[in-house]
Amino acid sequence: MSPSPITVTSDGTIHVQPDARHPGVVGHHGDAIKVRVAAPPEAGRANREVCDLIATALGARPSDVVVVSGTSSRRKRLAVSSVSPARVTAWLAGLPV
């Protein structure tokens, strides 16, 4: 199955808050999905934790979620393989507004 970019928001982005006390997918942040991670934004640690969180939420392997843009930014675009676009859309629809 080809990668499915997570695109429910207008520009399909994830907003990451590193060094958070309570990691997890929070909901929406403007036109993005907000994700909090405990890892600091050093040496790709926060990016790996974002991928792990999204993979767990979607029932995918962490290696199936990759950052396709924004590796050094709080705003990132992710691609997910092995998960249907319908499943991604359903998961995103269930997030708090």
PDB file of N, CA and C in Angstrom:
ATOM      1  N   MET A   1       0.860  -1.175   0.000  1.00  0.00           N
ATOM      2  CA  MET A   1       0.000   0.000   0.000  1.00  0.00           C
ATOM      3  C   MET A   1       0.901   1.231   0.000  1.00  0.00           C
ATOM      4  N   SER A   2       0.579   2.214  -0.806  1.00  0.00           N
ATOM      5  CA  SER A   2       1.405   3.414  -0.874  1.00  0.00           C
ATOM      6  C   SER A   2       1.141   4.325   0.321  1.00  0.00           C
ATOM      7  N   PRO A   3       2.116   5.184   0.653  1.00  0.00           N
ATOM      8  CA  PRO A   3       1.929   6.079   1.799  1.00  0.00           C
ATOM      9  C   PRO A   3       0.713   6.982   1.622  1.00  0.00           C
ATOM     10  N   SER A   4       0.013   7.209   2.714  1.00  0.00           N
ATOM     11  CA  SER A   4      -1.154   8.082   2.721  1.00  0.00           C
ATOM     12  C   SER A   4      -0.809   9.320   3.523  1.00  0.00           C
ATOM     13  N   PRO A   5      -0.612  10.467   2.870  1.00  0.00           N
ATOM     14  CA  PRO A   5      -0.349  11.664   3.663  1.00  0.00           C
ATOM     15  C   PRO A   5      -1.540  11.965   4.567  1.00  0.00           C
ATOM     16  N   ILE A   6      -1.264  12.380   5.775  1.00  0.00           N
ATOM     17  CA  ILE A   6      -2.344  12.759   6.682  1.00  0.00           C
ATOM     18  C   ILE A   6      -2.824  14.132   6.236  1.00  0.00           C
ATOM     19  N   THR A   7      -3.999  14.184   5.635  1.00  0.00           N
ATOM     20  CA  THR A   7      -4.516  15.442   5.132  1.00  0.00           C
ATOM     21  C   THR A   7      -5.996  15.574   5.449  1.00  0.00           C
ATOM     22  N   VAL A   8      -6.299  16.170   6.561  1.00  0.00           N
ATOM     23  CA  VAL A   8      -7.680  16.500   6.891  1.00  0.00           C
ATOM     24  C   VAL A   8      -7.779  17.990   7.083  1.00  0.00           C
ATOM     25  N   THR A   9      -6.697  18.601   7.503  1.00  0.00           N
ATOM     26  CA  THR A   9      -6.665  20.046   7.672  1.00  0.00           C
ATOM     27  C   THR A   9      -6.390  20.695   6.323  1.00  0.00           C
ATOM     28  N   SER A  10      -6.537  21.998   6.243  1.00  0.00           N
ATOM     29  CA  SER A  10      -6.396  22.674   4.963  1.00  0.00           C
ATOM     30  C   SER A  10      -5.012  22.488   4.352  1.00  0.00           C
ATOM     31  N   ASP A  11      -3.971  22.441   5.184  1.00  0.00           N
ATOM     32  CA  ASP A  11      -2.644  22.243   4.610  1.00  0.00           C
ATOM     33  C   ASP A  11      -2.007  20.926   5.045  1.00  0.00           C
ATOM     34  N   GLY A  12      -2.752  20.067   5.741  1.00  0.00           N
ATOM     35  CA  GLY A  12      -2.283  18.729   6.072  1.00  0.00           C
ATOM     36  C   GLY A  12      -1.100  18.665   7.009  1.00  0.00           C
ATOM     37  N   THR A  13      -1.051  19.507   8.007  1.00  0.00           N
ATOM     38  CA  THR A  13       0.124  19.552   8.864  1.00  0.00           C
ATOM     39  C   THR A  13      -0.142  19.062  10.281  1.00  0.00           C
ATOM     40  N   ILE A  14       0.948  18.721  10.934  1.00  0.00           N
ATOM     41  CA  ILE A  14       0.970  18.362  12.342  1.00  0.00           C
ATOM     42  C   ILE A  14       1.738  19.466  13.049  1.00  0.00           C
ATOM     43  N   HIS A  15       1.224  19.976  14.153  1.00  0.00           N
ATOM     44  CA  HIS A  15       1.928  20.976  14.965  1.00  0.00           C
ATOM     45  C   HIS A  15       2.467  20.242  16.182  1.00  0.00           C
ATOM     46  N   VAL A  16       3.792  20.284  16.379  1.00  0.00           N
ATOM     47  CA  VAL A  16       4.436  19.520  17.444  1.00  0.00           C
ATOM     48  C   VAL A  16       4.882  20.435  18.567  1.00  0.00           C
ATOM     49  N   GLN A  17       4.564  20.031  19.797  1.00  0.00           N
ATOM     50  CA  GLN A  17       5.048  20.722  20.990  1.00  0.00           C
ATOM     51  C   GLN A  17       6.037  19.781  21.678  1.00  0.00           C
ATOM     52  N   PRO A  18       7.352  20.036  21.543  1.00  0.00           N
ATOM     53  CA  PRO A  18       8.341  19.181  22.197  1.00  0.00           C
ATOM     54  C   PRO A  18       8.455  19.497  23.689  1.00  0.00           C
ATOM     55  N   ASP A  19       9.154  18.642  24.420  1.00  0.00           N
ATOM     56  CA  ASP A  19       9.387  18.810  25.861  1.00  0.00           C
ATOM     57  C   ASP A  19       8.091  18.926  26.669  1.00  0.00           C
ATOM     58  N   ALA A  20       7.058  18.224  26.247  1.00  0.00           N
ATOM     59  CA  ALA A  20       5.766  18.294  26.934  1.00  0.00           C
ATOM     60  C   ALA A  20       5.729  17.331  28.121  1.00  0.00           C
ATOM     61  N   ARG A  21       5.021  17.710  29.152  1.00  0.00           N
ATOM     62  CA  ARG A  21       4.865  16.834  30.316  1.00  0.00           C
ATOM     63  C   ARG A  21       3.879  15.710  30.040  1.00  0.00           C
ATOM     64  N   HIS A  22       2.884  15.974  29.219  1.00  0.00           N
ATOM     65  CA  HIS A  22       1.837  14.997  28.941  1.00  0.00           C
ATOM     66  C   HIS A  22       1.777  14.741  27.433  1.00  0.00           C
ATOM     67  N   PRO A  23       2.580  13.799  26.922  1.00  0.00           N
ATOM     68  CA  PRO A  23       2.584  13.548  25.483  1.00  0.00           C
ATOM     69  C   PRO A  23       1.278  12.941  24.996  1.00  0.00           C
ATOM     70  N   GLY A  24       0.986  13.177  23.725  1.00  0.00           N
ATOM     71  CA  GLY A  24      -0.187  12.596  23.096  1.00  0.00           C
ATOM     72  C   GLY A  24      -0.723  13.492  21.998  1.00  0.00           C
ATOM     73  N   VAL A  25      -1.716  12.987  21.298  1.00  0.00           N
ATOM     74  CA  VAL A  25      -2.400  13.765  20.269  1.00  0.00           C
ATOM     75  C   VAL A  25      -3.466  14.571  20.980  1.00  0.00           C
ATOM     76  N   VAL A  26      -3.365  15.890  20.882  1.00  0.00           N
ATOM     77  CA  VAL A  26      -4.229  16.789  21.646  1.00  0.00           C
ATOM     78  C   VAL A  26      -5.524  17.097  20.914  1.00  0.00           C
ATOM     79  N   GLY A  27      -5.456  17.299  19.634  1.00  0.00           N
ATOM     80  CA  GLY A  27      -6.613  17.699  18.838  1.00  0.00           C
ATOM     81  C   GLY A  27      -6.155  18.647  17.763  1.00  0.00           C
ATOM     82  N   HIS A  28      -6.909  19.699  17.570  1.00  0.00           N
ATOM     83  CA  HIS A  28      -6.587  20.665  16.511  1.00  0.00           C
ATOM     84  C   HIS A  28      -5.872  21.885  17.074  1.00  0.00           C
ATOM     85  N   HIS A  29      -4.984  22.438  16.276  1.00  0.00           N
ATOM     86  CA  HIS A  29      -4.263  23.675  16.596  1.00  0.00           C
ATOM     87  C   HIS A  29      -4.352  24.543  15.348  1.00  0.00           C
ATOM     88  N   GLY A  30      -5.348  25.403  15.302  1.00  0.00           N
ATOM     89  CA  GLY A  30      -5.582  26.178  14.073  1.00  0.00           C
ATOM     90  C   GLY A  30      -5.965  25.230  12.960  1.00  0.00           C
ATOM     91  N   ASP A  31      -5.184  25.226  11.895  1.00  0.00           N
ATOM     92  CA  ASP A  31      -5.466  24.347  10.760  1.00  0.00           C
ATOM     93  C   ASP A  31      -4.615  23.086  10.776  1.00  0.00           C
ATOM     94  N   ALA A  32      -4.002  22.759  11.918  1.00  0.00           N
ATOM     95  CA  ALA A  32      -3.142  21.579  12.036  1.00  0.00           C
ATOM     96  C   ALA A  32      -3.636  20.675  13.156  1.00  0.00           C
ATOM     97  N   ILE A  33      -3.076  19.476  13.224  1.00  0.00           N
ATOM     98  CA  ILE A  33      -3.322  18.552  14.314  1.00  0.00           C
ATOM     99  C   ILE A  33      -2.197  18.752  15.321  1.00  0.00           C
ATOM    100  N   LYS A  34      -2.528  18.949  16.608  1.00  0.00           N
ATOM    101  CA  LYS A  34      -1.510  19.209  17.619  1.00  0.00           C
ATOM    102  C   LYS A  34      -1.106  17.913  18.310  1.00  0.00           C
ATOM    103  N   VAL A  35       0.212  17.706  18.374  1.00  0.00           N
ATOM    104  CA  VAL A  35       0.798  16.533  19.022  1.00  0.00           C
ATOM    105  C   VAL A  35       1.829  17.028  20.025  1.00  0.00           C
ATOM    106  N   ARG A  36       1.739  16.527  21.250  1.00  0.00           N
ATOM    107  CA  ARG A  36       2.734  16.843  22.277  1.00  0.00           C
ATOM    108  C   ARG A  36       3.652  15.638  22.455  1.00  0.00           C
ATOM    109  N   VAL A  37       4.957  15.908  22.523  1.00  0.00           N
ATOM    110  CA  VAL A  37       5.933  14.839  22.746  1.00  0.00           C
ATOM    111  C   VAL A  37       6.841  15.214  23.906  1.00  0.00           C
ATOM    112  N   ALA A  38       7.295  14.221  24.636  1.00  0.00           N
ATOM    113  CA  ALA A  38       8.182  14.460  25.774  1.00  0.00           C
ATOM    114  C   ALA A  38       9.611  14.712  25.325  1.00  0.00           C
ATOM    115  N   ALA A  39       9.981  14.220  24.167  1.00  0.00           N
ATOM    116  CA  ALA A  39      11.352  14.334  23.679  1.00  0.00           C
ATOM    117  C   ALA A  39      11.701  15.775  23.323  1.00  0.00           C
ATOM    118  N   PRO A  40      12.964  16.143  23.519  1.00  0.00           N
ATOM    119  CA  PRO A  40      13.405  17.468  23.090  1.00  0.00           C
ATOM    120  C   PRO A  40      13.630  17.478  21.575  1.00  0.00           C
ATOM    121  N   PRO A  41      13.639  18.655  20.979  1.00  0.00           N
ATOM    122  CA  PRO A  41      13.848  18.745  19.529  1.00  0.00           C
ATOM    123  C   PRO A  41      15.332  18.665  19.176  1.00  0.00           C
ATOM    124  N   GLU A  42      15.967  17.577  19.572  1.00  0.00           N
ATOM    125  CA  GLU A  42      17.401  17.387  19.326  1.00  0.00           C
ATOM    126  C   GLU A  42      17.629  16.058  18.624  1.00  0.00           C
ATOM    127  N   ALA A  43      18.463  16.070  17.603  1.00  0.00           N
ATOM    128  CA  ALA A  43      18.896  14.849  16.906  1.00  0.00           C
ATOM    129  C   ALA A  43      17.724  13.993  16.425  1.00  0.00           C
ATOM    130  N   GLY A  44      16.610  14.608  16.067  1.00  0.00           N
ATOM    131  CA  GLY A  44      15.465  13.878  15.534  1.00  0.00           C
ATOM    132  C   GLY A  44      14.647  13.121  16.561  1.00  0.00           C
ATOM    133  N   ARG A  45      14.927  13.318  17.839  1.00  0.00           N
ATOM    134  CA  ARG A  45      14.206  12.575  18.880  1.00  0.00           C
ATOM    135  C   ARG A  45      12.722  12.914  18.899  1.00  0.00           C
ATOM    136  N   ALA A  46      12.378  14.199  18.771  1.00  0.00           N
ATOM    137  CA  ALA A  46      10.961  14.589  18.762  1.00  0.00           C
ATOM    138  C   ALA A  46      10.263  14.034  17.521  1.00  0.00           C
ATOM    139  N   ASN A  47      10.934  14.054  16.377  1.00  0.00           N
ATOM    140  CA  ASN A  47      10.337  13.502  15.159  1.00  0.00           C
ATOM    141  C   ASN A  47      10.036  12.014  15.315  1.00  0.00           C
ATOM    142  N   ARG A  48      10.961  11.264  15.905  1.00  0.00           N
ATOM    143  CA  ARG A  48      10.731   9.832  16.116  1.00  0.00           C
ATOM    144  C   ARG A  48       9.549   9.607  17.052  1.00  0.00           C
ATOM    145  N   GLU A  49       9.442  10.432  18.086  1.00  0.00           N
ATOM    146  CA  GLU A  49       8.329  10.259  19.020  1.00  0.00           C
ATOM    147  C   GLU A  49       6.991  10.609  18.355  1.00  0.00           C
ATOM    148  N   VAL A  50       6.982  11.626  17.496  1.00  0.00           N
ATOM    149  CA  VAL A  50       5.760  11.965  16.754  1.00  0.00           C
ATOM    150  C   VAL A  50       5.335  10.767  15.907  1.00  0.00           C
ATOM    151  N   CYS A  51       6.282  10.188  15.193  1.00  0.00           N
ATOM    152  CA  CYS A  51       5.958   9.033  14.350  1.00  0.00           C
ATOM    153  C   CYS A  51       5.446   7.869  15.186  1.00  0.00           C
ATOM    154  N   ASP A  52       6.066   7.640  16.349  1.00  0.00           N
ATOM    155  CA  ASP A  52       5.619   6.560  17.235  1.00  0.00           C
ATOM    156  C   ASP A  52       4.190   6.810  17.731  1.00  0.00           C
ATOM    157  N   LEU A  53       3.890   8.048  18.139  1.00  0.00           N
ATOM    158  CA  LEU A  53       2.548   8.374  18.627  1.00  0.00           C
ATOM    159  C   LEU A  53       1.485   8.178  17.552  1.00  0.00           C
ATOM    160  N   ILE A  54       1.762   8.686  16.372  1.00  0.00           N
ATOM    161  CA  ILE A  54       0.793   8.576  15.270  1.00  0.00           C
ATOM    162  C   ILE A  54       0.621   7.111  14.880  1.00  0.00           C
ATOM    163  N   ALA A  55       1.720   6.362  14.815  1.00  0.00           N
ATOM    164  CA  ALA A  55       1.643   4.942  14.469  1.00  0.00           C
ATOM    165  C   ALA A  55       0.792   4.184  15.486  1.00  0.00           C
ATOM    166  N   THR A  56       1.011   4.434  16.761  1.00  0.00           N
ATOM    167  CA  THR A  56       0.234   3.771  17.804  1.00  0.00           C
ATOM    168  C   THR A  56      -1.245   4.118  17.679  1.00  0.00           C
ATOM    169  N   ALA A  57      -1.541   5.381  17.446  1.00  0.00           N
ATOM    170  CA  ALA A  57      -2.932   5.819  17.324  1.00  0.00           C
ATOM    171  C   ALA A  57      -3.636   5.159  16.139  1.00  0.00           C
ATOM    172  N   LEU A  58      -2.882   4.899  15.067  1.00  0.00           N
ATOM    173  CA  LEU A  58      -3.476   4.321  13.863  1.00  0.00           C
ATOM    174  C   LEU A  58      -3.338   2.799  13.797  1.00  0.00           C
ATOM    175  N   GLY A  59      -2.655   2.205  14.772  1.00  0.00           N
ATOM    176  CA  GLY A  59      -2.443   0.764  14.743  1.00  0.00           C
ATOM    177  C   GLY A  59      -1.440   0.335  13.695  1.00  0.00           C
ATOM    178  N   ALA A  60      -0.473   1.198  13.410  1.00  0.00           N
ATOM    179  CA  ALA A  60       0.561   0.898  12.418  1.00  0.00           C
ATOM    180  C   ALA A  60       1.904   0.697  13.117  1.00  0.00           C
ATOM    181  N   ARG A  61       2.879   0.232  12.380  1.00  0.00           N
ATOM    182  CA  ARG A  61       4.239   0.135  12.917  1.00  0.00           C
ATOM    183  C   ARG A  61       4.869   1.528  12.874  1.00  0.00           C
ATOM    184  N   PRO A  62       5.739   1.847  13.830  1.00  0.00           N
ATOM    185  CA  PRO A  62       6.405   3.158  13.813  1.00  0.00           C
ATOM    186  C   PRO A  62       7.168   3.419  12.515  1.00  0.00           C
ATOM    187  N   SER A  63       7.702   2.371  11.907  1.00  0.00           N
ATOM    188  CA  SER A  63       8.442   2.539  10.654  1.00  0.00           C
ATOM    189  C   SER A  63       7.533   2.876   9.479  1.00  0.00           C
ATOM    190  N   ASP A  64       6.219   2.734   9.648  1.00  0.00           N
ATOM    191  CA  ASP A  64       5.259   3.062   8.591  1.00  0.00           C
ATOM    192  C   ASP A  64       4.886   4.538   8.564  1.00  0.00           C
ATOM    193  N   VAL A  65       5.357   5.301   9.549  1.00  0.00           N
ATOM    194  CA  VAL A  65       5.060   6.733   9.616  1.00  0.00           C
ATOM    195  C   VAL A  65       6.369   7.490   9.451  1.00  0.00           C
ATOM    196  N   VAL A  66       6.410   8.389   8.465  1.00  0.00           N
ATOM    197  CA  VAL A  66       7.626   9.160   8.205  1.00  0.00           C
ATOM    198  C   VAL A  66       7.298  10.638   8.072  1.00  0.00           C
ATOM    199  N   VAL A  67       8.243  11.466   8.475  1.00  0.00           N
ATOM    200  CA  VAL A  67       8.123  12.913   8.293  1.00  0.00           C
ATOM    201  C   VAL A  67       8.568  13.207   6.866  1.00  0.00           C
ATOM    202  N   VAL A  68       7.679  13.793   6.059  1.00  0.00           N
ATOM    203  CA  VAL A  68       8.030  14.097   4.669  1.00  0.00           C
ATOM    204  C   VAL A  68       8.451  15.550   4.486  1.00  0.00           C
ATOM    205  N   SER A  69       8.087  16.411   5.421  1.00  0.00           N
ATOM    206  CA  SER A  69       8.586  17.790   5.386  1.00  0.00           C
ATOM    207  C   SER A  69       8.469  18.396   6.776  1.00  0.00           C
ATOM    208  N   GLY A  70       9.353  19.352   7.059  1.00  0.00           N
ATOM    209  CA  GLY A  70       9.337  20.044   8.337  1.00  0.00           C
ATOM    210  C   GLY A  70      10.148  19.351   9.417  1.00  0.00           C
ATOM    211  N   THR A  71      11.197  18.642   9.042  1.00  0.00           N
ATOM    212  CA  THR A  71      11.971  17.892  10.036  1.00  0.00           C
ATOM    213  C   THR A  71      12.556  18.775  11.134  1.00  0.00           C
ATOM    214  N   SER A  72      12.848  20.034  10.830  1.00  0.00           N
ATOM    215  CA  SER A  72      13.418  20.918  11.850  1.00  0.00           C
ATOM    216  C   SER A  72      12.446  22.013  12.270  1.00  0.00           C
ATOM    217  N   SER A  73      11.173  21.806  11.997  1.00  0.00           N
ATOM    218  CA  SER A  73      10.136  22.782  12.309  1.00  0.00           C
ATOM    219  C   SER A  73       9.098  22.148  13.231  1.00  0.00           C
ATOM    220  N   ARG A  74       8.340  22.980  13.918  1.00  0.00           N
ATOM    221  CA  ARG A  74       7.215  22.458  14.703  1.00  0.00           C
ATOM    222  C   ARG A  74       6.096  21.970  13.796  1.00  0.00           C
ATOM    223  N   ARG A  75       5.996  22.522  12.604  1.00  0.00           N
ATOM    224  CA  ARG A  75       4.949  22.120  11.662  1.00  0.00           C
ATOM    225  C   ARG A  75       5.531  21.100  10.697  1.00  0.00           C
ATOM    226  N   LYS A  76       4.910  19.928  10.657  1.00  0.00           N
ATOM    227  CA  LYS A  76       5.414  18.817   9.874  1.00  0.00           C
ATOM    228  C   LYS A  76       4.314  18.218   9.025  1.00  0.00           C
ATOM    229  N   ARG A  77       4.713  17.555   7.960  1.00  0.00           N
ATOM    230  CA  ARG A  77       3.799  16.738   7.160  1.00  0.00           C
ATOM    231  C   ARG A  77       4.278  15.311   7.290  1.00  0.00           C
ATOM    232  N   LEU A  78       3.346  14.398   7.515  1.00  0.00           N
ATOM    233  CA  LEU A  78       3.663  12.989   7.684  1.00  0.00           C
ATOM    234  C   LEU A  78       3.044  12.173   6.565  1.00  0.00           C
ATOM    235  N   ALA A  79       3.659  11.031   6.283  1.00  0.00           N
ATOM    236  CA  ALA A  79       3.077  10.045   5.375  1.00  0.00           C
ATOM    237  C   ALA A  79       2.981   8.737   6.137  1.00  0.00           C
ATOM    238  N   VAL A  80       1.872   8.037   5.934  1.00  0.00           N
ATOM    239  CA  VAL A  80       1.612   6.778   6.633  1.00  0.00           C
ATOM    240  C   VAL A  80       1.391   5.689   5.603  1.00  0.00           C
ATOM    241  N   SER A  81       2.165   4.599   5.705  1.00  0.00           N
ATOM    242  CA  SER A  81       1.929   3.458   4.820  1.00  0.00           C
ATOM    243  C   SER A  81       1.296   2.344   5.645  1.00  0.00           C
ATOM    244  N   SER A  82       0.708   1.398   5.001  1.00  0.00           N
ATOM    245  CA  SER A  82       0.045   0.227   5.587  1.00  0.00           C
ATOM    246  C   SER A  82      -1.255   0.562   6.315  1.00  0.00           C
ATOM    247  N   VAL A  83      -1.742   1.778   6.196  1.00  0.00           N
ATOM    248  CA  VAL A  83      -3.021   2.167   6.784  1.00  0.00           C
ATOM    249  C   VAL A  83      -3.838   2.817   5.674  1.00  0.00           C
ATOM    250  N   SER A  84      -5.082   2.429   5.564  1.00  0.00           N
ATOM    251  CA  SER A  84      -5.916   2.977   4.492  1.00  0.00           C
ATOM    252  C   SER A  84      -6.228   4.452   4.750  1.00  0.00           C
ATOM    253  N   PRO A  85      -6.386   5.232   3.681  1.00  0.00           N
ATOM    254  CA  PRO A  85      -6.781   6.632   3.853  1.00  0.00           C
ATOM    255  C   PRO A  85      -8.096   6.764   4.616  1.00  0.00           C
ATOM    256  N   ALA A  86      -9.012   5.824   4.452  1.00  0.00           N
ATOM    257  CA  ALA A  86     -10.291   5.882   5.169  1.00  0.00           C
ATOM    258  C   ALA A  86     -10.075   5.752   6.676  1.00  0.00           C
ATOM    259  N   ARG A  87      -9.149   4.900   7.070  1.00  0.00           N
ATOM    260  CA  ARG A  87      -8.863   4.741   8.500  1.00  0.00           C
ATOM    261  C   ARG A  87      -8.242   6.003   9.075  1.00  0.00           C
ATOM    262  N   VAL A  88      -7.327   6.619   8.331  1.00  0.00           N
ATOM    263  CA  VAL A  88      -6.713   7.877   8.773  1.00  0.00           C
ATOM    264  C   VAL A  88      -7.788   8.946   8.916  1.00  0.00           C
ATOM    265  N   THR A  89      -8.663   9.052   7.937  1.00  0.00           N
ATOM    266  CA  THR A  89      -9.728  10.050   7.965  1.00  0.00           C
ATOM    267  C   THR A  89     -10.662   9.819   9.152  1.00  0.00           C
ATOM    268  N   ALA A  90     -11.018   8.568   9.420  1.00  0.00           N
ATOM    269  CA  ALA A  90     -11.900   8.263  10.554  1.00  0.00           C
ATOM    270  C   ALA A  90     -11.221   8.624  11.877  1.00  0.00           C
ATOM    271  N   TRP A  91      -9.944   8.311  12.014  1.00  0.00           N
ATOM    272  CA  TRP A  91      -9.210   8.641  13.236  1.00  0.00           C
ATOM    273  C   TRP A  91      -9.170  10.150  13.444  1.00  0.00           C
ATOM    274  N   LEU A  92      -8.852  10.884  12.391  1.00  0.00           N
ATOM    275  CA  LEU A  92      -8.784  12.337  12.492  1.00  0.00           C
ATOM    276  C   LEU A  92     -10.144  12.954  12.807  1.00  0.00           C
ATOM    277  N   ALA A  93     -11.200  12.373  12.273  1.00  0.00           N
ATOM    278  CA  ALA A  93     -12.544  12.898  12.532  1.00  0.00           C
ATOM    279  C   ALA A  93     -12.919  12.734  14.007  1.00  0.00           C
ATOM    280  N   GLY A  94     -12.324  11.768  14.696  1.00  0.00           N
ATOM    281  CA  GLY A  94     -12.629  11.537  16.095  1.00  0.00           C
ATOM    282  C   GLY A  94     -11.823  12.394  17.070  1.00  0.00           C
ATOM    283  N   LEU A  95     -10.885  13.196  16.560  1.00  0.00           N
ATOM    284  CA  LEU A  95     -10.078  14.050  17.432  1.00  0.00           C
ATOM    285  C   LEU A  95     -10.900  15.218  17.947  1.00  0.00           C
ATOM    286  N   PRO A  96     -10.605  15.676  19.172  1.00  0.00           N
ATOM    287  CA  PRO A  96     -11.299  16.852  19.689  1.00  0.00           C
ATOM    288  C   PRO A  96     -11.003  18.088  18.840  1.00  0.00           C
ATOM    289  N   VAL A  97     -11.973  18.952  18.760  1.00  0.00           N
ATOM    290  CA  VAL A  97     -11.815  20.169  17.948  1.00  0.00           C
ATOM    291  C   VAL A  97     -11.064  21.217  18.719  1.00  0.00           C
TER     292      VAL A  97
END
